[in-house]
Amino acid sequence: MNKEISALEFEVRPWGNYTVLSQDEPDHKVKAIVVSPGKRLSYQRHARRSEHWFIVRGTGNVTLDNNVIEVTAGVAIDVPVGTNHRIENTGIEDLLFIEVQHGDYFGEDDIVRLDDDYGRVDI
């Protein structure tokens, strides 16, 4: 099966940026995410997707349901559906990871923010 690859989507966020690598499949979406030094994503959860993170470069802390895990290049983290999670860059260089989302819906409105450094809390 030969599919045409769509143009990559690039988004800047207060904590860094991401590039969508694959979004045309019904069951998964793939992003390359860069977290700037000293920054972190919101503490959040999703109702309709799980995530698998593979750390490519940098160091940080991943929080899963209030349990903190130190991560470095080569470490993989699974984030099951409904799990509260966040990643923080604790190093001096950019933290790069690949995120594979798996589920049946990948919209930004499936994010429930529990805590956020940038004022985007939902509850």
PDB file of N, CA and C in Angstrom:
ATOM      1  N   MET A   1       0.836  -1.172   0.000  1.00  0.00           N
ATOM      2  CA  MET A   1       0.000   0.000   0.000  1.00  0.00           C
ATOM      3  C   MET A   1       0.884   1.238   0.000  1.00  0.00           C
ATOM      4  N   ASN A   2       0.675   2.127  -0.933  1.00  0.00           N
ATOM      5  CA  ASN A   2       1.494   3.315  -1.076  1.00  0.00           C
ATOM      6  C   ASN A   2       0.678   4.542  -0.693  1.00  0.00           C
ATOM      7  N   LYS A   3       1.031   5.170   0.412  1.00  0.00           N
ATOM      8  CA  LYS A   3       0.331   6.364   0.875  1.00  0.00           C
ATOM      9  C   LYS A   3       1.218   7.575   0.690  1.00  0.00           C
ATOM     10  N   GLU A   4       0.605   8.667   0.323  1.00  0.00           N
ATOM     11  CA  GLU A   4       1.336   9.922   0.227  1.00  0.00           C
ATOM     12  C   GLU A   4       1.498  10.509   1.631  1.00  0.00           C
ATOM     13  N   ILE A   5       2.682  10.957   1.956  1.00  0.00           N
ATOM     14  CA  ILE A   5       2.944  11.537   3.277  1.00  0.00           C
ATOM     15  C   ILE A   5       2.554  13.007   3.239  1.00  0.00           C
ATOM     16  N   SER A   6       1.725  13.419   4.203  1.00  0.00           N
ATOM     17  CA  SER A   6       1.292  14.809   4.268  1.00  0.00           C
ATOM     18  C   SER A   6       2.413  15.684   4.842  1.00  0.00           C
ATOM     19  N   ALA A   7       2.278  16.984   4.622  1.00  0.00           N
ATOM     20  CA  ALA A   7       3.258  17.929   5.137  1.00  0.00           C
ATOM     21  C   ALA A   7       3.309  17.852   6.661  1.00  0.00           C
ATOM     22  N   LEU A   8       4.497  17.994   7.216  1.00  0.00           N
ATOM     23  CA  LEU A   8       4.667  17.934   8.662  1.00  0.00           C
ATOM     24  C   LEU A   8       4.087  19.180   9.319  1.00  0.00           C
ATOM     25  N   GLU A   9       3.461  18.978  10.467  1.00  0.00           N
ATOM     26  CA  GLU A   9       2.902  20.075  11.257  1.00  0.00           C
ATOM     27  C   GLU A   9       3.900  20.411  12.362  1.00  0.00           C
ATOM     28  N   PHE A  10       4.257  21.686  12.493  1.00  0.00           N
ATOM     29  CA  PHE A  10       5.188  22.152  13.513  1.00  0.00           C
ATOM     30  C   PHE A  10       4.465  23.164  14.386  1.00  0.00           C
ATOM     31  N   GLU A  11       4.532  22.987  15.721  1.00  0.00           N
ATOM     32  CA  GLU A  11       3.859  23.883  16.665  1.00  0.00           C
ATOM     33  C   GLU A  11       4.848  24.322  17.746  1.00  0.00           C
ATOM     34  N   VAL A  12       4.854  25.607  18.037  1.00  0.00           N
ATOM     35  CA  VAL A  12       5.648  26.143  19.141  1.00  0.00           C
ATOM     36  C   VAL A  12       4.740  26.254  20.361  1.00  0.00           C
ATOM     37  N   ARG A  13       5.249  25.823  21.505  1.00  0.00           N
ATOM     38  CA  ARG A  13       4.520  25.880  22.773  1.00  0.00           C
ATOM     39  C   ARG A  13       5.392  26.618  23.795  1.00  0.00           C
ATOM     40  N   PRO A  14       4.816  27.033  24.930  1.00  0.00           N
ATOM     41  CA  PRO A  14       5.636  27.752  25.928  1.00  0.00           C
ATOM     42  C   PRO A  14       6.770  26.916  26.494  1.00  0.00           C
ATOM     43  N   TRP A  15       6.660  25.585  26.432  1.00  0.00           N
ATOM     44  CA  TRP A  15       7.672  24.680  26.977  1.00  0.00           C
ATOM     45  C   TRP A  15       8.667  24.189  25.932  1.00  0.00           C
ATOM     46  N   GLY A  16       8.443  24.492  24.645  1.00  0.00           N
ATOM     47  CA  GLY A  16       9.314  24.003  23.570  1.00  0.00           C
ATOM     48  C   GLY A  16       8.548  23.935  22.269  1.00  0.00           C
ATOM     49  N   ASN A  17       8.563  22.756  21.613  1.00  0.00           N
ATOM     50  CA  ASN A  17       7.856  22.617  20.344  1.00  0.00           C
ATOM     51  C   ASN A  17       7.623  21.144  20.026  1.00  0.00           C
ATOM     52  N   TYR A  18       6.782  20.906  19.026  1.00  0.00           N
ATOM     53  CA  TYR A  18       6.621  19.543  18.529  1.00  0.00           C
ATOM     54  C   TYR A  18       6.405  19.551  17.026  1.00  0.00           C
ATOM     55  N   THR A  19       6.763  18.435  16.408  1.00  0.00           N
ATOM     56  CA  THR A  19       6.544  18.204  14.989  1.00  0.00           C
ATOM     57  C   THR A  19       5.740  16.922  14.848  1.00  0.00           C
ATOM     58  N   VAL A  20       4.630  16.984  14.136  1.00  0.00           N
ATOM     59  CA  VAL A  20       3.839  15.786  13.876  1.00  0.00           C
ATOM     60  C   VAL A  20       4.513  15.021  12.741  1.00  0.00           C
ATOM     61  N   LEU A  21       4.884  13.777  13.016  1.00  0.00           N
ATOM     62  CA  LEU A  21       5.570  12.939  12.033  1.00  0.00           C
ATOM     63  C   LEU A  21       4.598  12.050  11.258  1.00  0.00           C
ATOM     64  N   SER A  22       3.487  11.688  11.903  1.00  0.00           N
ATOM     65  CA  SER A  22       2.468  10.847  11.258  1.00  0.00           C
ATOM     66  C   SER A  22       1.126  11.132  11.908  1.00  0.00           C
ATOM     67  N   GLN A  23       0.109  11.434  11.076  1.00  0.00           N
ATOM     68  CA  GLN A  23      -1.211  11.706  11.626  1.00  0.00           C
ATOM     69  C   GLN A  23      -2.337  11.199  10.735  1.00  0.00           C
ATOM     70  N   ASP A  24      -2.028  10.470   9.707  1.00  0.00           N
ATOM     71  CA  ASP A  24      -3.034  10.052   8.738  1.00  0.00           C
ATOM     72  C   ASP A  24      -3.560   8.639   8.956  1.00  0.00           C
ATOM     73  N   GLU A  25      -3.251   8.044  10.075  1.00  0.00           N
ATOM     74  CA  GLU A  25      -3.729   6.697  10.380  1.00  0.00           C
ATOM     75  C   GLU A  25      -4.875   6.775  11.390  1.00  0.00           C
ATOM     76  N   PRO A  26      -5.829   5.858  11.319  1.00  0.00           N
ATOM     77  CA  PRO A  26      -6.979   5.926  12.240  1.00  0.00           C
ATOM     78  C   PRO A  26      -6.667   5.495  13.670  1.00  0.00           C
ATOM     79  N   ASP A  27      -5.542   4.791  13.890  1.00  0.00           N
ATOM     80  CA  ASP A  27      -5.280   4.213  15.208  1.00  0.00           C
ATOM     81  C   ASP A  27      -4.025   4.742  15.894  1.00  0.00           C
ATOM     82  N   HIS A  28      -3.281   5.653  15.247  1.00  0.00           N
ATOM     83  CA  HIS A  28      -2.103   6.206  15.912  1.00  0.00           C
ATOM     84  C   HIS A  28      -1.669   7.546  15.310  1.00  0.00           C
ATOM     85  N   LYS A  29      -0.884   8.276  16.104  1.00  0.00           N
ATOM     86  CA  LYS A  29      -0.291   9.542  15.692  1.00  0.00           C
ATOM     87  C   LYS A  29       1.102   9.580  16.296  1.00  0.00           C
ATOM     88  N   VAL A  30       2.071  10.156  15.579  1.00  0.00           N
ATOM     89  CA  VAL A  30       3.455  10.187  16.051  1.00  0.00           C
ATOM     90  C   VAL A  30       3.968  11.628  16.035  1.00  0.00           C
ATOM     91  N   LYS A  31       4.604  12.022  17.152  1.00  0.00           N
ATOM     92  CA  LYS A  31       5.184  13.357  17.266  1.00  0.00           C
ATOM     93  C   LYS A  31       6.630  13.266  17.733  1.00  0.00           C
ATOM     94  N   ALA A  32       7.451  14.213  17.295  1.00  0.00           N
ATOM     95  CA  ALA A  32       8.767  14.466  17.887  1.00  0.00           C
ATOM     96  C   ALA A  32       8.583  15.698  18.767  1.00  0.00           C
ATOM     97  N   ILE A  33       8.866  15.570  20.066  1.00  0.00           N
ATOM     98  CA  ILE A  33       8.611  16.645  21.021  1.00  0.00           C
ATOM     99  C   ILE A  33       9.926  17.111  21.636  1.00  0.00           C
ATOM    100  N   VAL A  34      10.126  18.420  21.660  1.00  0.00           N
ATOM    101  CA  VAL A  34      11.313  19.031  22.250  1.00  0.00           C
ATOM    102  C   VAL A  34      10.869  19.865  23.445  1.00  0.00           C
ATOM    103  N   VAL A  35      11.448  19.572  24.620  1.00  0.00           N
ATOM    104  CA  VAL A  35      11.172  20.327  25.835  1.00  0.00           C
ATOM    105  C   VAL A  35      12.439  21.120  26.171  1.00  0.00           C
ATOM    106  N   SER A  36      12.296  22.417  26.279  1.00  0.00           N
ATOM    107  CA  SER A  36      13.438  23.296  26.574  1.00  0.00           C
ATOM    108  C   SER A  36      13.943  23.087  28.005  1.00  0.00           C
ATOM    109  N   PRO A  37      15.223  23.389  28.259  1.00  0.00           N
ATOM    110  CA  PRO A  37      15.773  23.240  29.607  1.00  0.00           C
ATOM    111  C   PRO A  37      14.950  24.009  30.646  1.00  0.00           C
ATOM    112  N   GLY A  38      14.667  23.342  31.770  1.00  0.00           N
ATOM    113  CA  GLY A  38      13.922  23.955  32.850  1.00  0.00           C
ATOM    114  C   GLY A  38      12.420  24.030  32.647  1.00  0.00           C
ATOM    115  N   LYS A  39      11.917  23.532  31.530  1.00  0.00           N
ATOM    116  CA  LYS A  39      10.487  23.598  31.218  1.00  0.00           C
ATOM    117  C   LYS A  39       9.837  22.230  31.399  1.00  0.00           C
ATOM    118  N   ARG A  40       8.496  22.243  31.488  1.00  0.00           N
ATOM    119  CA  ARG A  40       7.759  20.993  31.591  1.00  0.00           C
ATOM    120  C   ARG A  40       6.388  21.162  30.962  1.00  0.00           C
ATOM    121  N   LEU A  41       5.838  20.044  30.511  1.00  0.00           N
ATOM    122  CA  LEU A  41       4.491  20.027  29.970  1.00  0.00           C
ATOM    123  C   LEU A  41       3.491  20.053  31.118  1.00  0.00           C
ATOM    124  N   SER A  42       2.240  20.298  30.807  1.00  0.00           N
ATOM    125  CA  SER A  42       1.208  20.283  31.843  1.00  0.00           C
ATOM    126  C   SER A  42       1.042  18.867  32.386  1.00  0.00           C
ATOM    127  N   TYR A  43       0.593  18.788  33.636  1.00  0.00           N
ATOM    128  CA  TYR A  43       0.228  17.510  34.250  1.00  0.00           C
ATOM    129  C   TYR A  43      -1.176  17.226  33.740  1.00  0.00           C
ATOM    130  N   GLN A  44      -1.339  16.153  32.964  1.00  0.00           N
ATOM    131  CA  GLN A  44      -2.555  15.940  32.202  1.00  0.00           C
ATOM    132  C   GLN A  44      -2.921  14.469  32.090  1.00  0.00           C
ATOM    133  N   ARG A  45      -4.089  14.217  31.507  1.00  0.00           N
ATOM    134  CA  ARG A  45      -4.509  12.853  31.199  1.00  0.00           C
ATOM    135  C   ARG A  45      -5.360  12.880  29.938  1.00  0.00           C
ATOM    136  N   HIS A  46      -5.524  11.689  29.360  1.00  0.00           N
ATOM    137  CA  HIS A  46      -6.325  11.530  28.146  1.00  0.00           C
ATOM    138  C   HIS A  46      -7.331  10.395  28.349  1.00  0.00           C
ATOM    139  N   ALA A  47      -8.513  10.550  27.797  1.00  0.00           N
ATOM    140  CA  ALA A  47      -9.555   9.528  27.915  1.00  0.00           C
ATOM    141  C   ALA A  47      -9.554   8.549  26.748  1.00  0.00           C
ATOM    142  N   ARG A  48      -8.961   8.947  25.611  1.00  0.00           N
ATOM    143  CA  ARG A  48      -9.121   8.117  24.416  1.00  0.00           C
ATOM    144  C   ARG A  48      -7.818   7.673  23.767  1.00  0.00           C
ATOM    145  N   ARG A  49      -6.705   7.892  24.438  1.00  0.00           N
ATOM    146  CA  ARG A  49      -5.431   7.449  23.861  1.00  0.00           C
ATOM    147  C   ARG A  49      -4.415   7.118  24.939  1.00  0.00           C
ATOM    148  N   SER A  50      -3.558   6.166  24.614  1.00  0.00           N
ATOM    149  CA  SER A  50      -2.369   5.889  25.414  1.00  0.00           C
ATOM    150  C   SER A  50      -1.196   6.523  24.683  1.00  0.00           C
ATOM    151  N   GLU A  51      -0.063   6.615  25.371  1.00  0.00           N
ATOM    152  CA  GLU A  51       1.123   7.171  24.741  1.00  0.00           C
ATOM    153  C   GLU A  51       2.338   6.328  25.096  1.00  0.00           C
ATOM    154  N   HIS A  52       3.268   6.245  24.157  1.00  0.00           N
ATOM    155  CA  HIS A  52       4.553   5.587  24.380  1.00  0.00           C
ATOM    156  C   HIS A  52       5.610   6.631  24.057  1.00  0.00           C
ATOM    157  N   TRP A  53       6.498   6.894  25.020  1.00  0.00           N
ATOM    158  CA  TRP A  53       7.546   7.893  24.843  1.00  0.00           C
ATOM    159  C   TRP A  53       8.902   7.211  24.781  1.00  0.00           C
ATOM    160  N   PHE A  54       9.691   7.571  23.779  1.00  0.00           N
ATOM    161  CA  PHE A  54      11.074   7.095  23.681  1.00  0.00           C
ATOM    162  C   PHE A  54      11.984   8.311  23.748  1.00  0.00           C
ATOM    163  N   ILE A  55      12.808   8.375  24.793  1.00  0.00           N
ATOM    164  CA  ILE A  55      13.703   9.516  24.996  1.00  0.00           C
ATOM    165  C   ILE A  55      14.889   9.377  24.039  1.00  0.00           C
ATOM    166  N   VAL A  56      15.080  10.383  23.200  1.00  0.00           N
ATOM    167  CA  VAL A  56      16.151  10.370  22.203  1.00  0.00           C
ATOM    168  C   VAL A  56      17.387  11.115  22.713  1.00  0.00           C
ATOM    169  N   ARG A  57      17.153  12.266  23.377  1.00  0.00           N
ATOM    170  CA  ARG A  57      18.265  13.096  23.826  1.00  0.00           C
ATOM    171  C   ARG A  57      17.839  13.883  25.057  1.00  0.00           C
ATOM    172  N   GLY A  58      18.774  14.075  25.974  1.00  0.00           N
ATOM    173  CA  GLY A  58      18.516  14.901  27.146  1.00  0.00           C
ATOM    174  C   GLY A  58      18.180  14.089  28.384  1.00  0.00           C
ATOM    175  N   THR A  59      17.873  14.821  29.467  1.00  0.00           N
ATOM    176  CA  THR A  59      17.530  14.193  30.740  1.00  0.00           C
ATOM    177  C   THR A  59      16.295  14.876  31.307  1.00  0.00           C
ATOM    178  N   GLY A  60      15.550  14.104  32.078  1.00  0.00           N
ATOM    179  CA  GLY A  60      14.351  14.697  32.652  1.00  0.00           C
ATOM    180  C   GLY A  60      13.688  13.806  33.669  1.00  0.00           C
ATOM    181  N   ASN A  61      12.527  14.266  34.107  1.00  0.00           N
ATOM    182  CA  ASN A  61      11.673  13.513  35.009  1.00  0.00           C
ATOM    183  C   ASN A  61      10.319  13.331  34.357  1.00  0.00           C
ATOM    184  N   VAL A  62       9.818  12.106  34.402  1.00  0.00           N
ATOM    185  CA  VAL A  62       8.462  11.804  33.965  1.00  0.00           C
ATOM    186  C   VAL A  62       7.654  11.518  35.222  1.00  0.00           C
ATOM    187  N   THR A  63       6.490  12.120  35.315  1.00  0.00           N
ATOM    188  CA  THR A  63       5.575  11.860  36.429  1.00  0.00           C
ATOM    189  C   THR A  63       4.381  11.081  35.889  1.00  0.00           C
ATOM    190  N   LEU A  64       4.127   9.916  36.481  1.00  0.00           N
ATOM    191  CA  LEU A  64       2.968   9.080  36.149  1.00  0.00           C
ATOM    192  C   LEU A  64       2.177   8.875  37.429  1.00  0.00           C
ATOM    193  N   ASP A  65       0.965   9.432  37.500  1.00  0.00           N
ATOM    194  CA  ASP A  65       0.133   9.328  38.703  1.00  0.00           C
ATOM    195  C   ASP A  65       0.940   9.630  39.971  1.00  0.00           C
ATOM    196  N   ASN A  66       1.648  10.745  39.971  1.00  0.00           N
ATOM    197  CA  ASN A  66       2.443  11.251  41.096  1.00  0.00           C
ATOM    198  C   ASN A  66       3.713  10.456  41.395  1.00  0.00           C
ATOM    199  N   ASN A  67       4.053   9.447  40.598  1.00  0.00           N
ATOM    200  CA  ASN A  67       5.319   8.721  40.740  1.00  0.00           C
ATOM    201  C   ASN A  67       6.324   9.304  39.755  1.00  0.00           C
ATOM    202  N   VAL A  68       7.487   9.732  40.254  1.00  0.00           N
ATOM    203  CA  VAL A  68       8.488  10.388  39.416  1.00  0.00           C
ATOM    204  C   VAL A  68       9.545   9.377  38.975  1.00  0.00           C
ATOM    205  N   ILE A  69       9.845   9.374  37.660  1.00  0.00           N
ATOM    206  CA  ILE A  69      10.825   8.471  37.060  1.00  0.00           C
ATOM    207  C   ILE A  69      11.861   9.325  36.334  1.00  0.00           C
ATOM    208  N   GLU A  70      13.139   9.155  36.681  1.00  0.00           N
ATOM    209  CA  GLU A  70      14.204   9.857  35.963  1.00  0.00           C
ATOM    210  C   GLU A  70      14.411   9.185  34.613  1.00  0.00           C
ATOM    211  N   VAL A  71      14.571   9.997  33.552  1.00  0.00           N
ATOM    212  CA  VAL A  71      14.758   9.452  32.212  1.00  0.00           C
ATOM    213  C   VAL A  71      15.972  10.085  31.547  1.00  0.00           C
ATOM    214  N   THR A  72      16.622   9.287  30.699  1.00  0.00           N
ATOM    215  CA  THR A  72      17.745   9.720  29.877  1.00  0.00           C
ATOM    216  C   THR A  72      17.573   9.084  28.506  1.00  0.00           C
ATOM    217  N   ALA A  73      18.460   9.430  27.586  1.00  0.00           N
ATOM    218  CA  ALA A  73      18.394   8.879  26.230  1.00  0.00           C
ATOM    219  C   ALA A  73      18.351   7.352  26.265  1.00  0.00           C
ATOM    220  N   GLY A  74      17.462   6.781  25.484  1.00  0.00           N
ATOM    221  CA  GLY A  74      17.320   5.333  25.385  1.00  0.00           C
ATOM    222  C   GLY A  74      16.229   4.738  26.252  1.00  0.00           C
ATOM    223  N   VAL A  75      15.662   5.533  27.152  1.00  0.00           N
ATOM    224  CA  VAL A  75      14.606   5.053  28.047  1.00  0.00           C
ATOM    225  C   VAL A  75      13.249   5.190  27.359  1.00  0.00           C
ATOM    226  N   ALA A  76      12.381   4.195  27.556  1.00  0.00           N
ATOM    227  CA  ALA A  76      11.019   4.229  27.033  1.00  0.00           C
ATOM    228  C   ALA A  76      10.026   4.228  28.191  1.00  0.00           C
ATOM    229  N   ILE A  77       8.963   4.986  28.037  1.00  0.00           N
ATOM    230  CA  ILE A  77       7.928   5.120  29.054  1.00  0.00           C
ATOM    231  C   ILE A  77       6.570   4.862  28.403  1.00  0.00           C
ATOM    232  N   ASP A  78       5.739   4.051  29.057  1.00  0.00           N
ATOM    233  CA  ASP A  78       4.362   3.846  28.599  1.00  0.00           C
ATOM    234  C   ASP A  78       3.413   4.640  29.487  1.00  0.00           C
ATOM    235  N   VAL A  79       2.483   5.348  28.857  1.00  0.00           N
ATOM    236  CA  VAL A  79       1.485   6.144  29.554  1.00  0.00           C
ATOM    237  C   VAL A  79       0.114   5.557  29.192  1.00  0.00           C
ATOM    238  N   PRO A  80      -0.457   4.712  30.048  1.00  0.00           N
ATOM    239  CA  PRO A  80      -1.758   4.111  29.735  1.00  0.00           C
ATOM    240  C   PRO A  80      -2.879   5.159  29.685  1.00  0.00           C
ATOM    241  N   VAL A  81      -3.957   4.836  28.997  1.00  0.00           N
ATOM    242  CA  VAL A  81      -5.146   5.691  28.942  1.00  0.00           C
ATOM    243  C   VAL A  81      -5.574   6.047  30.365  1.00  0.00           C
ATOM    244  N   GLY A  82      -5.881   7.321  30.600  1.00  0.00           N
ATOM    245  CA  GLY A  82      -6.382   7.764  31.892  1.00  0.00           C
ATOM    246  C   GLY A  82      -5.334   8.035  32.946  1.00  0.00           C
ATOM    247  N   THR A  83      -4.060   7.806  32.637  1.00  0.00           N
ATOM    248  CA  THR A  83      -2.980   8.035  33.602  1.00  0.00           C
ATOM    249  C   THR A  83      -2.596   9.516  33.612  1.00  0.00           C
ATOM    250  N   ASN A  84      -2.504  10.101  34.789  1.00  0.00           N
ATOM    251  CA  ASN A  84      -2.010  11.471  34.919  1.00  0.00           C
ATOM    252  C   ASN A  84      -0.514  11.459  34.613  1.00  0.00           C
ATOM    253  N   HIS A  85      -0.057  12.389  33.777  1.00  0.00           N
ATOM    254  CA  HIS A  85       1.342  12.346  33.350  1.00  0.00           C
ATOM    255  C   HIS A  85       1.870  13.722  32.958  1.00  0.00           C
ATOM    256  N   ARG A  86       3.208  13.820  33.015  1.00  0.00           N
ATOM    257  CA  ARG A  86       3.917  15.000  32.529  1.00  0.00           C
ATOM    258  C   ARG A  86       5.380  14.627  32.351  1.00  0.00           C
ATOM    259  N   ILE A  87       6.088  15.432  31.575  1.00  0.00           N
ATOM    260  CA  ILE A  87       7.535  15.285  31.434  1.00  0.00           C
ATOM    261  C   ILE A  87       8.164  16.654  31.665  1.00  0.00           C
ATOM    262  N   GLU A  88       9.325  16.634  32.316  1.00  0.00           N
ATOM    263  CA  GLU A  88      10.052  17.855  32.659  1.00  0.00           C
ATOM    264  C   GLU A  88      11.501  17.708  32.227  1.00  0.00           C
ATOM    265  N   ASN A  89      12.060  18.744  31.635  1.00  0.00           N
ATOM    266  CA  ASN A  89      13.468  18.757  31.267  1.00  0.00           C
ATOM    267  C   ASN A  89      14.274  19.255  32.457  1.00  0.00           C
ATOM    268  N   THR A  90      15.102  18.381  33.026  1.00  0.00           N
ATOM    269  CA  THR A  90      15.937  18.750  34.174  1.00  0.00           C
ATOM    270  C   THR A  90      17.384  19.025  33.773  1.00  0.00           C
ATOM    271  N   GLY A  91      17.661  18.944  32.489  1.00  0.00           N
ATOM    272  CA  GLY A  91      19.033  19.110  32.015  1.00  0.00           C
ATOM    273  C   GLY A  91      19.314  20.499  31.496  1.00  0.00           C
ATOM    274  N   ILE A  92      20.481  20.646  30.853  1.00  0.00           N
ATOM    275  CA  ILE A  92      20.905  21.936  30.311  1.00  0.00           C
ATOM    276  C   ILE A  92      20.785  21.995  28.785  1.00  0.00           C
ATOM    277  N   GLU A  93      20.386  20.882  28.180  1.00  0.00           N
ATOM    278  CA  GLU A  93      20.149  20.858  26.736  1.00  0.00           C
ATOM    279  C   GLU A  93      18.695  20.462  26.492  1.00  0.00           C
ATOM    280  N   ASP A  94      18.231  20.654  25.257  1.00  0.00           N
ATOM    281  CA  ASP A  94      16.871  20.257  24.913  1.00  0.00           C
ATOM    282  C   ASP A  94      16.653  18.775  25.195  1.00  0.00           C
ATOM    283  N   LEU A  95      15.464  18.444  25.664  1.00  0.00           N
ATOM    284  CA  LEU A  95      15.030  17.059  25.842  1.00  0.00           C
ATOM    285  C   LEU A  95      14.174  16.714  24.628  1.00  0.00           C
ATOM    286  N   LEU A  96      14.578  15.714  23.868  1.00  0.00           N
ATOM    287  CA  LEU A  96      13.856  15.279  22.672  1.00  0.00           C
ATOM    288  C   LEU A  96      13.312  13.889  22.902  1.00  0.00           C
ATOM    289  N   PHE A  97      12.002  13.705  22.662  1.00  0.00           N
ATOM    290  CA  PHE A  97      11.442  12.368  22.713  1.00  0.00           C
ATOM    291  C   PHE A  97      10.436  12.175  21.598  1.00  0.00           C
ATOM    292  N   ILE A  98      10.258  10.923  21.226  1.00  0.00           N
ATOM    293  CA  ILE A  98       9.262  10.546  20.223  1.00  0.00           C
ATOM    294  C   ILE A  98       8.048  10.019  20.972  1.00  0.00           C
ATOM    295  N   GLU A  99       6.887  10.568  20.637  1.00  0.00           N
ATOM    296  CA  GLU A  99       5.635  10.164  21.269  1.00  0.00           C
ATOM    297  C   GLU A  99       4.779   9.433  20.238  1.00  0.00           C
ATOM    298  N   VAL A 100       4.402   8.196  20.562  1.00  0.00           N
ATOM    299  CA  VAL A 100       3.470   7.449  19.730  1.00  0.00           C
ATOM    300  C   VAL A 100       2.158   7.378  20.494  1.00  0.00           C
ATOM    301  N   GLN A 101       1.141   8.024  19.964  1.00  0.00           N
ATOM    302  CA  GLN A 101      -0.190   7.985  20.555  1.00  0.00           C
ATOM    303  C   GLN A 101      -0.951   6.831  19.910  1.00  0.00           C
ATOM    304  N   HIS A 102      -1.661   6.057  20.724  1.00  0.00           N
ATOM    305  CA  HIS A 102      -2.440   4.944  20.199  1.00  0.00           C
ATOM    306  C   HIS A 102      -3.851   5.021  20.767  1.00  0.00           C
ATOM    307  N   GLY A 103      -4.842   4.936  19.921  1.00  0.00           N
ATOM    308  CA  GLY A 103      -6.229   5.008  20.361  1.00  0.00           C
ATOM    309  C   GLY A 103      -7.155   5.244  19.204  1.00  0.00           C
ATOM    310  N   ASP A 104      -8.290   5.897  19.492  1.00  0.00           N
ATOM    311  CA  ASP A 104      -9.257   6.145  18.426  1.00  0.00           C
ATOM    312  C   ASP A 104      -9.537   7.626  18.201  1.00  0.00           C
ATOM    313  N   TYR A 105      -8.837   8.500  18.964  1.00  0.00           N
ATOM    314  CA  TYR A 105      -9.025   9.940  18.802  1.00  0.00           C
ATOM    315  C   TYR A 105      -7.784  10.658  19.320  1.00  0.00           C
ATOM    316  N   PHE A 106      -7.302  11.675  18.584  1.00  0.00           N
ATOM    317  CA  PHE A 106      -6.040  12.323  18.917  1.00  0.00           C
ATOM    318  C   PHE A 106      -6.134  13.845  18.997  1.00  0.00           C
ATOM    319  N   GLY A 107      -7.335  14.372  19.108  1.00  0.00           N
ATOM    320  CA  GLY A 107      -7.536  15.815  19.165  1.00  0.00           C
ATOM    321  C   GLY A 107      -7.008  16.423  20.451  1.00  0.00           C
ATOM    322  N   GLU A 108      -6.655  17.699  20.376  1.00  0.00           N
ATOM    323  CA  GLU A 108      -6.156  18.421  21.547  1.00  0.00           C
ATOM    324  C   GLU A 108      -7.232  18.540  22.629  1.00  0.00           C
ATOM    325  N   ASP A 109      -8.508  18.387  22.267  1.00  0.00           N
ATOM    326  CA  ASP A 109      -9.575  18.475  23.261  1.00  0.00           C
ATOM    327  C   ASP A 109      -9.720  17.193  24.086  1.00  0.00           C
ATOM    328  N   ASP A 110      -8.839  16.197  23.860  1.00  0.00           N
ATOM    329  CA  ASP A 110      -8.790  15.007  24.722  1.00  0.00           C
ATOM    330  C   ASP A 110      -7.725  15.191  25.808  1.00  0.00           C
ATOM    331  N   ILE A 111      -7.296  16.418  26.012  1.00  0.00           N
ATOM    332  CA  ILE A 111      -6.339  16.731  27.082  1.00  0.00           C
ATOM    333  C   ILE A 111      -7.102  17.369  28.237  1.00  0.00           C
ATOM    334  N   VAL A 112      -6.983  16.772  29.422  1.00  0.00           N
ATOM    335  CA  VAL A 112      -7.491  17.386  30.647  1.00  0.00           C
ATOM    336  C   VAL A 112      -6.265  17.801  31.445  1.00  0.00           C
ATOM    337  N   ARG A 113      -6.057  19.108  31.571  1.00  0.00           N
ATOM    338  CA  ARG A 113      -4.895  19.623  32.294  1.00  0.00           C
ATOM    339  C   ARG A 113      -5.224  19.759  33.771  1.00  0.00           C
ATOM    340  N   LEU A 114      -4.420  19.109  34.614  1.00  0.00           N
ATOM    341  CA  LEU A 114      -4.614  19.129  36.058  1.00  0.00           C
ATOM    342  C   LEU A 114      -3.756  20.197  36.730  1.00  0.00           C
ATOM    343  N   ASP A 115      -2.591  20.481  36.124  1.00  0.00           N
ATOM    344  CA  ASP A 115      -1.665  21.495  36.625  1.00  0.00           C
ATOM    345  C   ASP A 115      -0.859  21.981  35.432  1.00  0.00           C
ATOM    346  N   ASP A 116      -0.612  23.294  35.383  1.00  0.00           N
ATOM    347  CA  ASP A 116       0.077  23.839  34.221  1.00  0.00           C
ATOM    348  C   ASP A 116       0.824  25.110  34.616  1.00  0.00           C
ATOM    349  N   ASP A 117       2.071  25.209  34.209  1.00  0.00           N
ATOM    350  CA  ASP A 117       2.895  26.376  34.515  1.00  0.00           C
ATOM    351  C   ASP A 117       2.510  27.597  33.701  1.00  0.00           C
ATOM    352  N   TYR A 118       1.636  27.438  32.722  1.00  0.00           N
ATOM    353  CA  TYR A 118       1.314  28.515  31.769  1.00  0.00           C
ATOM    354  C   TYR A 118      -0.154  28.909  31.810  1.00  0.00           C
ATOM    355  N   GLY A 119      -0.854  28.571  32.918  1.00  0.00           N
ATOM    356  CA  GLY A 119      -2.223  29.021  33.117  1.00  0.00           C
ATOM    357  C   GLY A 119      -3.289  28.318  32.306  1.00  0.00           C
ATOM    358  N   ARG A 120      -3.005  27.086  31.844  1.00  0.00           N
ATOM    359  CA  ARG A 120      -3.968  26.369  31.004  1.00  0.00           C
ATOM    360  C   ARG A 120      -4.643  25.216  31.763  1.00  0.00           C
ATOM    361  N   VAL A 121      -4.991  25.401  33.020  1.00  0.00           N
ATOM    362  CA  VAL A 121      -5.594  24.330  33.835  1.00  0.00           C
ATOM    363  C   VAL A 121      -7.082  24.217  33.520  1.00  0.00           C
ATOM    364  N   ASP A 122      -7.553  22.962  33.367  1.00  0.00           N
ATOM    365  CA  ASP A 122      -8.955  22.707  33.024  1.00  0.00           C
ATOM    366  C   ASP A 122      -9.840  22.476  34.240  1.00  0.00           C
ATOM    367  N   ILE A 123      -9.280  21.979  35.356  1.00  0.00           N
ATOM    368  CA  ILE A 123     -10.092  21.742  36.554  1.00  0.00           C
ATOM    369  C   ILE A 123      -9.438  22.348  37.769  1.00  0.00           C
TER     370      ILE A 123
END
